[in-house]
Amino acid sequence: MSIDVRVTKAEREAVRRRARRLGVKPSKWARTVILDALDSRRDGLGQMEVMAASTPSPELSQAVEQVRRVGVNLNQVLRRGGALDAELLREVMDSMDDVRAQLGDRTAL
């Protein structure tokens, strides 16, 4: 079942911006707002905001994936008995420390 609602262009853009900020479709955002308004015990919008805050950005996800791949490659080289250049290894470790610091991990510092 669906409900038709008329909004201005500015209101439609505001809904789209809010939904995009929360990482959901505008229809999901609108449905959540309506259901929250019908039942004061619900907090669907609050839950949606918590999920959006805890969801990493696409850039962060890509960085984590790249770091994982570097780790896998280093492990494969070491398991095969390959030699690693000490200077190259130091550069990789320094880069990893930088990435960890940017992600909020201060244990390497």
Protein backbone atom coordinates (compact mmCIF):
# COMPACT_ATOMS: atom_id res chain seq x y z
CA MET A 1 0.00 0.00 0.00
CA SER A 2 1.22 3.49 -0.64
CA ILE A 3 0.33 7.02 0.40
CA ASP A 4 0.66 9.98 -1.96
CA VAL A 5 1.91 13.18 -0.37
CA ARG A 6 2.41 16.51 -2.11
CA VAL A 7 5.46 18.55 -1.17
CA THR A 8 7.23 21.53 -2.66
CA LYS A 9 10.47 21.13 -4.57
CA ALA A 10 12.35 22.58 -1.60
CA GLU A 11 10.67 20.12 0.79
CA ARG A 12 11.43 17.20 -1.54
CA GLU A 13 15.11 18.22 -1.66
CA ALA A 14 15.18 18.57 2.12
CA VAL A 15 13.81 15.02 2.47
CA ARG A 16 16.37 13.73 -0.03
CA ARG A 17 19.24 15.45 1.79
CA ARG A 18 18.13 14.09 5.18
CA ALA A 19 17.73 10.57 3.79
CA ARG A 20 21.10 10.72 2.02
CA ARG A 21 22.79 11.89 5.24
CA LEU A 22 21.32 8.85 7.01
CA GLY A 23 22.20 6.50 4.16
CA VAL A 24 18.62 5.48 3.37
CA LYS A 25 16.12 6.08 0.59
CA PRO A 26 13.75 9.02 0.98
CA SER A 27 10.78 6.64 1.15
CA LYS A 28 12.33 4.72 4.05
CA TRP A 29 13.04 7.95 5.92
CA ALA A 30 9.47 9.21 5.37
CA ARG A 31 7.95 5.88 6.44
CA THR A 32 10.05 5.89 9.62
CA VAL A 33 9.00 9.44 10.47
CA ILE A 34 5.32 8.60 9.91
CA LEU A 35 5.46 5.42 12.02
CA ASP A 36 7.31 7.26 14.81
CA ALA A 37 4.57 9.92 14.78
CA LEU A 38 1.87 7.22 15.08
CA ASP A 39 3.53 5.45 18.04
CA SER A 40 5.40 7.56 20.59
CA ARG A 41 7.17 4.43 21.92
CA ARG A 42 8.97 3.97 18.60
CA ASP A 43 12.29 5.61 17.94
CA GLY A 44 12.97 4.44 14.42
CA LEU A 45 14.48 7.75 13.40
CA GLY A 46 16.79 7.74 16.42
CA GLN A 47 17.91 4.21 15.58
CA MET A 48 18.47 5.27 11.98
CA GLU A 49 20.67 8.16 13.17
CA VAL A 50 22.70 5.85 15.41
CA MET A 51 23.25 3.46 12.51
CA ALA A 52 24.32 6.31 10.24
CA ALA A 53 26.77 7.58 12.86
CA SER A 54 28.32 4.15 13.31
CA THR A 55 28.53 3.33 9.61
CA PRO A 56 31.96 4.11 8.21
CA SER A 57 32.26 6.38 5.21
CA PRO A 58 32.95 4.78 1.83
CA GLU A 59 36.42 6.33 1.89
CA LEU A 60 37.16 4.77 5.27
CA SER A 61 35.88 1.40 4.10
CA GLN A 62 38.16 1.58 1.06
CA ALA A 63 41.16 2.51 3.21
CA VAL A 64 40.50 -0.41 5.56
CA GLU A 65 40.23 -2.79 2.60
CA GLN A 66 43.53 -1.54 1.18
CA VAL A 67 45.24 -1.99 4.55
CA ARG A 68 43.85 -5.53 4.77
CA ARG A 69 45.26 -6.34 1.33
CA VAL A 70 48.70 -5.04 2.29
CA GLY A 71 48.64 -7.29 5.36
CA VAL A 72 47.62 -10.32 3.30
CA ASN A 73 50.40 -9.68 0.78
CA LEU A 74 53.03 -9.29 3.52
CA ASN A 75 51.91 -12.52 5.16
CA GLN A 76 52.13 -14.40 1.85
CA VAL A 77 55.66 -13.12 1.20
CA LEU A 78 56.83 -14.12 4.68
CA ARG A 79 55.23 -17.59 4.50
CA ARG A 80 57.02 -18.29 1.24
CA GLY A 81 60.30 -17.36 2.85
CA GLY A 82 60.65 -14.21 0.79
CA ALA A 83 62.99 -11.49 1.89
CA LEU A 84 61.72 -8.04 2.68
CA ASP A 85 63.80 -4.94 2.24
CA ALA A 86 64.19 -3.39 5.71
CA GLU A 87 63.69 0.15 4.42
CA LEU A 88 60.53 -0.81 2.52
CA LEU A 89 59.18 -2.61 5.57
CA ARG A 90 59.87 0.49 7.72
CA GLU A 91 57.96 2.65 5.20
CA VAL A 92 55.00 0.25 5.27
CA MET A 93 55.01 0.21 9.07
CA ASP A 94 55.14 4.03 9.22
CA SER A 95 52.26 4.25 6.74
CA MET A 96 50.25 1.76 8.79
CA ASP A 97 50.87 3.82 11.94
CA ASP A 98 49.57 6.90 10.09
CA VAL A 99 46.44 5.08 8.97
CA ARG A 100 45.83 3.70 12.46
CA ALA A 101 46.21 7.19 13.94
CA GLN A 102 43.71 8.60 11.45
CA LEU A 103 41.27 5.86 12.41
CA GLY A 104 41.62 6.79 16.07
CA ASP A 105 43.91 3.93 17.13
CA ARG A 106 46.64 5.49 19.25
CA THR A 107 48.20 2.18 20.41
CA ALA A 108 51.00 2.34 17.83
CA LEU A 109 52.11 5.83 18.83
